[in-house]
């Protein structure tokens, strides 16, 4: 099974009609996305920090140990 996430302008009547049509076919079931686990939240936060340049670069394990102490 695959998961499809749709992003659309909820104010658009055409988008709403298209979505209603797709759901009326009975091929899809609707639901809410599962909540993120604590580990997933930490991972996403770490990715954002790295992308914004807040991370550190270590070229060896010894450098890493010095950085985390």
PDB file of N, CA and C in Angstrom:
ATOM      1  N   UNK A   1       0.850  -1.172   0.000  1.00  0.00           N
ATOM      2  CA  UNK A   1       0.000   0.000   0.000  1.00  0.00           C
ATOM      3  C   UNK A   1       0.892   1.230   0.000  1.00  0.00           C
ATOM      4  N   UNK A   2       0.502   2.236  -0.713  1.00  0.00           N
ATOM      5  CA  UNK A   2       1.235   3.498  -0.787  1.00  0.00           C
ATOM      6  C   UNK A   2       0.440   4.587  -0.073  1.00  0.00           C
ATOM      7  N   UNK A   3       1.135   5.595   0.361  1.00  0.00           N
ATOM      8  CA  UNK A   3       0.501   6.739   1.004  1.00  0.00           C
ATOM      9  C   UNK A   3       0.645   7.944   0.097  1.00  0.00           C
ATOM     10  N   UNK A   4      -0.432   8.660  -0.099  1.00  0.00           N
ATOM     11  CA  UNK A   4      -0.423   9.855  -0.916  1.00  0.00           C
ATOM     12  C   UNK A   4      -0.802  11.032  -0.035  1.00  0.00           C
ATOM     13  N   UNK A   5      -0.002  12.077  -0.076  1.00  0.00           N
ATOM     14  CA  UNK A   5      -0.296  13.292   0.656  1.00  0.00           C
ATOM     15  C   UNK A   5      -0.612  14.379  -0.357  1.00  0.00           C
ATOM     16  N   UNK A   6      -1.755  15.004  -0.206  1.00  0.00           N
ATOM     17  CA  UNK A   6      -2.171  16.054  -1.131  1.00  0.00           C
ATOM     18  C   UNK A   6      -2.063  17.407  -0.457  1.00  0.00           C
ATOM     19  N   UNK A   7      -1.573  18.366  -1.207  1.00  0.00           N
ATOM     20  CA  UNK A   7      -1.558  19.747  -0.761  1.00  0.00           C
ATOM     21  C   UNK A   7      -2.306  20.551  -1.809  1.00  0.00           C
ATOM     22  N   UNK A   8      -3.329  21.261  -1.379  1.00  0.00           N
ATOM     23  CA  UNK A   8      -4.120  22.033  -2.326  1.00  0.00           C
ATOM     24  C   UNK A   8      -4.698  23.246  -1.622  1.00  0.00           C
ATOM     25  N   UNK A   9      -5.138  24.205  -2.416  1.00  0.00           N
ATOM     26  CA  UNK A   9      -5.744  25.414  -1.888  1.00  0.00           C
ATOM     27  C   UNK A   9      -7.192  25.085  -1.507  1.00  0.00           C
ATOM     28  N   UNK A  10      -7.468  25.060  -0.233  1.00  0.00           N
ATOM     29  CA  UNK A  10      -8.805  24.685   0.246  1.00  0.00           C
ATOM     30  C   UNK A  10      -9.866  25.691  -0.180  1.00  0.00           C
ATOM     31  N   UNK A  11      -9.444  26.888  -0.598  1.00  0.00           N
ATOM     32  CA  UNK A  11     -10.400  27.897  -1.045  1.00  0.00           C
ATOM     33  C   UNK A  11     -10.817  27.697  -2.496  1.00  0.00           C
ATOM     34  N   UNK A  12     -10.100  26.810  -3.206  1.00  0.00           N
ATOM     35  CA  UNK A  12     -10.398  26.567  -4.613  1.00  0.00           C
ATOM     36  C   UNK A  12     -11.542  25.568  -4.745  1.00  0.00           C
ATOM     37  N   UNK A  13     -12.641  26.017  -5.329  1.00  0.00           N
ATOM     38  CA  UNK A  13     -13.786  25.116  -5.481  1.00  0.00           C
ATOM     39  C   UNK A  13     -13.470  24.012  -6.483  1.00  0.00           C
ATOM     40  N   UNK A  14     -12.663  24.303  -7.486  1.00  0.00           N
ATOM     41  CA  UNK A  14     -12.289  23.276  -8.467  1.00  0.00           C
ATOM     42  C   UNK A  14     -11.447  22.180  -7.807  1.00  0.00           C
ATOM     43  N   UNK A  15     -10.503  22.575  -6.960  1.00  0.00           N
ATOM     44  CA  UNK A  15      -9.676  21.588  -6.261  1.00  0.00           C
ATOM     45  C   UNK A  15     -10.541  20.731  -5.334  1.00  0.00           C
ATOM     46  N   UNK A  16     -11.481  21.354  -4.649  1.00  0.00           N
ATOM     47  CA  UNK A  16     -12.362  20.614  -3.738  1.00  0.00           C
ATOM     48  C   UNK A  16     -13.243  19.642  -4.509  1.00  0.00           C
ATOM     49  N   UNK A  17     -13.756  20.069  -5.653  1.00  0.00           N
ATOM     50  CA  UNK A  17     -14.595  19.185  -6.478  1.00  0.00           C
ATOM     51  C   UNK A  17     -13.788  18.012  -7.009  1.00  0.00           C
ATOM     52  N   UNK A  18     -12.547  18.277  -7.425  1.00  0.00           N
ATOM     53  CA  UNK A  18     -11.688  17.194  -7.925  1.00  0.00           C
ATOM     54  C   UNK A  18     -11.400  16.192  -6.815  1.00  0.00           C
ATOM     55  N   UNK A  19     -11.128  16.689  -5.624  1.00  0.00           N
ATOM     56  CA  UNK A  19     -10.874  15.803  -4.485  1.00  0.00           C
ATOM     57  C   UNK A  19     -12.120  15.002  -4.134  1.00  0.00           C
ATOM     58  N   UNK A  20     -13.271  15.649  -4.115  1.00  0.00           N
ATOM     59  CA  UNK A  20     -14.525  14.945  -3.832  1.00  0.00           C
ATOM     60  C   UNK A  20     -14.783  13.853  -4.869  1.00  0.00           C
ATOM     61  N   UNK A  21     -14.481  14.152  -6.137  1.00  0.00           N
ATOM     62  CA  UNK A  21     -14.665  13.157  -7.190  1.00  0.00           C
ATOM     63  C   UNK A  21     -13.764  11.948  -6.962  1.00  0.00           C
ATOM     64  N   UNK A  22     -12.507  12.193  -6.674  1.00  0.00           N
ATOM     65  CA  UNK A  22     -11.571  11.079  -6.448  1.00  0.00           C
ATOM     66  C   UNK A  22     -12.012  10.213  -5.263  1.00  0.00           C
ATOM     67  N   UNK A  23     -12.472  10.870  -4.205  1.00  0.00           N
ATOM     68  CA  UNK A  23     -12.917  10.113  -3.033  1.00  0.00           C
ATOM     69  C   UNK A  23     -14.207   9.358  -3.314  1.00  0.00           C
ATOM     70  N   UNK A  24     -15.051   9.885  -4.200  1.00  0.00           N
ATOM     71  CA  UNK A  24     -16.319   9.220  -4.504  1.00  0.00           C
ATOM     72  C   UNK A  24     -16.118   7.926  -5.290  1.00  0.00           C
ATOM     73  N   UNK A  25     -14.960   7.760  -5.896  1.00  0.00           N
ATOM     74  CA  UNK A  25     -14.691   6.533  -6.650  1.00  0.00           C
ATOM     75  C   UNK A  25     -14.545   5.317  -5.739  1.00  0.00           C
ATOM     76  N   UNK A  26     -14.246   5.552  -4.470  1.00  0.00           N
ATOM     77  CA  UNK A  26     -14.122   4.454  -3.520  1.00  0.00           C
ATOM     78  C   UNK A  26     -12.789   3.723  -3.590  1.00  0.00           C
ATOM     79  N   UNK A  27     -11.842   4.271  -4.312  1.00  0.00           N
ATOM     80  CA  UNK A  27     -10.531   3.629  -4.429  1.00  0.00           C
ATOM     81  C   UNK A  27      -9.580   4.029  -3.309  1.00  0.00           C
ATOM     82  N   UNK A  28      -9.909   5.101  -2.628  1.00  0.00           N
ATOM     83  CA  UNK A  28      -9.027   5.639  -1.604  1.00  0.00           C
ATOM     84  C   UNK A  28      -9.725   5.655  -0.260  1.00  0.00           C
ATOM     85  N   UNK A  29      -8.956   5.466   0.783  1.00  0.00           N
ATOM     86  CA  UNK A  29      -9.499   5.666   2.122  1.00  0.00           C
ATOM     87  C   UNK A  29      -8.795   6.867   2.716  1.00  0.00           C
ATOM     88  N   UNK A  30      -9.494   7.615   3.531  1.00  0.00           N
ATOM     89  CA  UNK A  30      -8.918   8.816   4.117  1.00  0.00           C
ATOM     90  C   UNK A  30      -8.535   8.545   5.553  1.00  0.00           C
ATOM     91  N   UNK A  31      -7.628   9.321   6.029  1.00  0.00           N
ATOM     92  CA  UNK A  31      -7.188   9.193   7.411  1.00  0.00           C
ATOM     93  C   UNK A  31      -6.242  10.325   7.737  1.00  0.00           C
ATOM     94  N   UNK A  32      -5.785  10.314   8.944  1.00  0.00           N
ATOM     95  CA  UNK A  32      -4.822  11.328   9.361  1.00  0.00           C
ATOM     96  C   UNK A  32      -3.445  10.698   9.419  1.00  0.00           C
ATOM     97  N   UNK A  33      -2.461  11.534   9.256  1.00  0.00           N
ATOM     98  CA  UNK A  33      -1.084  11.050   9.316  1.00  0.00           C
ATOM     99  C   UNK A  33      -0.767  10.636  10.748  1.00  0.00           C
ATOM    100  N   UNK A  34      -0.006   9.579  10.913  1.00  0.00           N
ATOM    101  CA  UNK A  34       0.358   9.156  12.265  1.00  0.00           C
ATOM    102  C   UNK A  34       1.245  10.212  12.929  1.00  0.00           C
ATOM    103  N   UNK A  35       1.135  10.311  14.225  1.00  0.00           N
ATOM    104  CA  UNK A  35       1.939  11.279  14.964  1.00  0.00           C
ATOM    105  C   UNK A  35       3.404  10.877  14.920  1.00  0.00           C
ATOM    106  N   UNK A  36       4.271  11.874  14.916  1.00  0.00           N
ATOM    107  CA  UNK A  36       5.702  11.595  14.887  1.00  0.00           C
ATOM    108  C   UNK A  36       6.159  11.097  16.244  1.00  0.00           C
ATOM    109  N   UNK A  37       7.053  10.130  16.223  1.00  0.00           N
ATOM    110  CA  UNK A  37       7.632   9.639  17.468  1.00  0.00           C
ATOM    111  C   UNK A  37       8.654  10.657  17.965  1.00  0.00           C
ATOM    112  N   UNK A  38       9.055  10.514  19.208  1.00  0.00           N
ATOM    113  CA  UNK A  38      10.050  11.422  19.777  1.00  0.00           C
ATOM    114  C   UNK A  38      11.363  11.336  19.006  1.00  0.00           C
ATOM    115  N   UNK A  39      11.731  10.138  18.593  1.00  0.00           N
ATOM    116  CA  UNK A  39      12.973   9.961  17.842  1.00  0.00           C
ATOM    117  C   UNK A  39      12.887  10.657  16.487  1.00  0.00           C
ATOM    118  N   UNK A  40      11.743  10.560  15.834  1.00  0.00           N
ATOM    119  CA  UNK A  40      11.577  11.212  14.533  1.00  0.00           C
ATOM    120  C   UNK A  40      11.631  12.732  14.677  1.00  0.00           C
ATOM    121  N   UNK A  41      11.037  13.261  15.753  1.00  0.00           N
ATOM    122  CA  UNK A  41      11.087  14.703  15.991  1.00  0.00           C
ATOM    123  C   UNK A  41      12.528  15.176  16.180  1.00  0.00           C
ATOM    124  N   UNK A  42      13.319  14.403  16.950  1.00  0.00           N
ATOM    125  CA  UNK A  42      14.718  14.760  17.176  1.00  0.00           C
ATOM    126  C   UNK A  42      15.503  14.696  15.872  1.00  0.00           C
ATOM    127  N   UNK A  43      15.229  13.697  15.058  1.00  0.00           N
ATOM    128  CA  UNK A  43      15.924  13.560  13.778  1.00  0.00           C
ATOM    129  C   UNK A  43      15.597  14.728  12.862  1.00  0.00           C
ATOM    130  N   UNK A  44      14.317  15.098  12.775  1.00  0.00           N
ATOM    131  CA  UNK A  44      13.928  16.228  11.929  1.00  0.00           C
ATOM    132  C   UNK A  44      14.552  17.532  12.423  1.00  0.00           C
ATOM    133  N   UNK A  45      14.618  17.707  13.738  1.00  0.00           N
ATOM    134  CA  UNK A  45      15.242  18.896  14.307  1.00  0.00           C
ATOM    135  C   UNK A  45      16.725  18.933  13.958  1.00  0.00           C
ATOM    136  N   UNK A  46      17.390  17.791  14.042  1.00  0.00           N
ATOM    137  CA  UNK A  46      18.814  17.718  13.710  1.00  0.00           C
ATOM    138  C   UNK A  46      19.052  18.035  12.239  1.00  0.00           C
ATOM    139  N   UNK A  47      18.191  17.552  11.371  1.00  0.00           N
ATOM    140  CA  UNK A  47      18.327  17.833   9.934  1.00  0.00           C
ATOM    141  C   UNK A  47      18.170  19.325   9.673  1.00  0.00           C
ATOM    142  N   UNK A  48      17.196  19.955  10.324  1.00  0.00           N
ATOM    143  CA  UNK A  48      16.997  21.395  10.150  1.00  0.00           C
ATOM    144  C   UNK A  48      18.207  22.180  10.654  1.00  0.00           C
ATOM    145  N   UNK A  49      18.793  21.744  11.778  1.00  0.00           N
ATOM    146  CA  UNK A  49      19.967  22.420  12.316  1.00  0.00           C
ATOM    147  C   UNK A  49      21.139  22.326  11.341  1.00  0.00           C
ATOM    148  N   UNK A  50      21.346  21.164  10.775  1.00  0.00           N
ATOM    149  CA  UNK A  50      22.438  20.979   9.821  1.00  0.00           C
ATOM    150  C   UNK A  50      22.205  21.845   8.586  1.00  0.00           C
ATOM    151  N   UNK A  51      20.968  21.874   8.089  1.00  0.00           N
ATOM    152  CA  UNK A  51      20.657  22.666   6.897  1.00  0.00           C
ATOM    153  C   UNK A  51      20.834  24.156   7.140  1.00  0.00           C
ATOM    154  N   UNK A  52      20.615  24.603   8.365  1.00  0.00           N
ATOM    155  CA  UNK A  52      20.756  26.025   8.672  1.00  0.00           C
ATOM    156  C   UNK A  52      22.183  26.389   9.074  1.00  0.00           C
ATOM    157  N   UNK A  53      23.088  25.416   9.095  1.00  0.00           N
ATOM    158  CA  UNK A  53      24.491  25.687   9.397  1.00  0.00           C
ATOM    159  C   UNK A  53      24.844  25.661  10.865  1.00  0.00           C
ATOM    160  N   UNK A  54      23.989  25.143  11.700  1.00  0.00           N
ATOM    161  CA  UNK A  54      24.253  25.116  13.134  1.00  0.00           C
ATOM    162  C   UNK A  54      25.061  23.891  13.568  1.00  0.00           C
ATOM    163  N   UNK A  55      25.306  22.976  12.659  1.00  0.00           N
ATOM    164  CA  UNK A  55      26.011  21.752  13.021  1.00  0.00           C
ATOM    165  C   UNK A  55      27.518  21.945  13.043  1.00  0.00           C
ATOM    166  N   UNK A  56      28.208  20.948  13.557  1.00  0.00           N
ATOM    167  CA  UNK A  56      29.669  20.965  13.558  1.00  0.00           C
ATOM    168  C   UNK A  56      30.153  19.835  12.666  1.00  0.00           C
ATOM    169  N   UNK A  57      31.355  20.007  12.129  1.00  0.00           N
ATOM    170  CA  UNK A  57      31.949  18.986  11.266  1.00  0.00           C
ATOM    171  C   UNK A  57      33.158  18.418  11.980  1.00  0.00           C
ATOM    172  N   UNK A  58      33.173  17.124  12.134  1.00  0.00           N
ATOM    173  CA  UNK A  58      34.303  16.436  12.754  1.00  0.00           C
ATOM    174  C   UNK A  58      34.939  15.524  11.715  1.00  0.00           C
ATOM    175  N   UNK A  59      36.266  15.601  11.648  1.00  0.00           N
ATOM    176  CA  UNK A  59      36.980  14.795  10.662  1.00  0.00           C
ATOM    177  C   UNK A  59      37.496  13.488  11.257  1.00  0.00           C
ATOM    178  N   UNK A  60      37.326  13.337  12.546  1.00  0.00           N
ATOM    179  CA  UNK A  60      37.741  12.080  13.187  1.00  0.00           C
ATOM    180  C   UNK A  60      36.875  11.860  14.422  1.00  0.00           C
ATOM    181  N   UNK A  61      36.925  10.653  14.910  1.00  0.00           N
ATOM    182  CA  UNK A  61      36.159  10.327  16.106  1.00  0.00           C
ATOM    183  C   UNK A  61      36.703  11.085  17.311  1.00  0.00           C
ATOM    184  N   UNK A  62      37.996  11.318  17.338  1.00  0.00           N
ATOM    185  CA  UNK A  62      38.596  12.066  18.445  1.00  0.00           C
ATOM    186  C   UNK A  62      38.084  13.506  18.455  1.00  0.00           C
ATOM    187  N   UNK A  63      37.953  14.117  17.274  1.00  0.00           N
ATOM    188  CA  UNK A  63      37.380  15.464  17.193  1.00  0.00           C
ATOM    189  C   UNK A  63      35.951  15.490  17.720  1.00  0.00           C
ATOM    190  N   UNK A  64      35.198  14.443  17.384  1.00  0.00           N
ATOM    191  CA  UNK A  64      33.814  14.341  17.853  1.00  0.00           C
ATOM    192  C   UNK A  64      33.772  14.265  19.375  1.00  0.00           C
ATOM    193  N   UNK A  65      34.630  13.443  19.962  1.00  0.00           N
ATOM    194  CA  UNK A  65      34.648  13.302  21.416  1.00  0.00           C
ATOM    195  C   UNK A  65      34.988  14.628  22.090  1.00  0.00           C
ATOM    196  N   UNK A  66      35.914  15.388  21.516  1.00  0.00           N
ATOM    197  CA  UNK A  66      36.247  16.688  22.080  1.00  0.00           C
ATOM    198  C   UNK A  66      35.065  17.658  21.972  1.00  0.00           C
ATOM    199  N   UNK A  67      34.342  17.576  20.883  1.00  0.00           N
ATOM    200  CA  UNK A  67      33.218  18.495  20.644  1.00  0.00           C
ATOM    201  C   UNK A  67      32.045  18.233  21.574  1.00  0.00           C
ATOM    202  N   UNK A  68      31.817  16.999  21.948  1.00  0.00           N
ATOM    203  CA  UNK A  68      30.642  16.674  22.764  1.00  0.00           C
ATOM    204  C   UNK A  68      30.929  16.724  24.269  1.00  0.00           C
ATOM    205  N   UNK A  69      32.157  16.919  24.645  1.00  0.00           N
ATOM    206  CA  UNK A  69      32.480  16.984  26.085  1.00  0.00           C
ATOM    207  C   UNK A  69      32.194  18.329  26.658  1.00  0.00           C
TER     208      UNK A  69
END
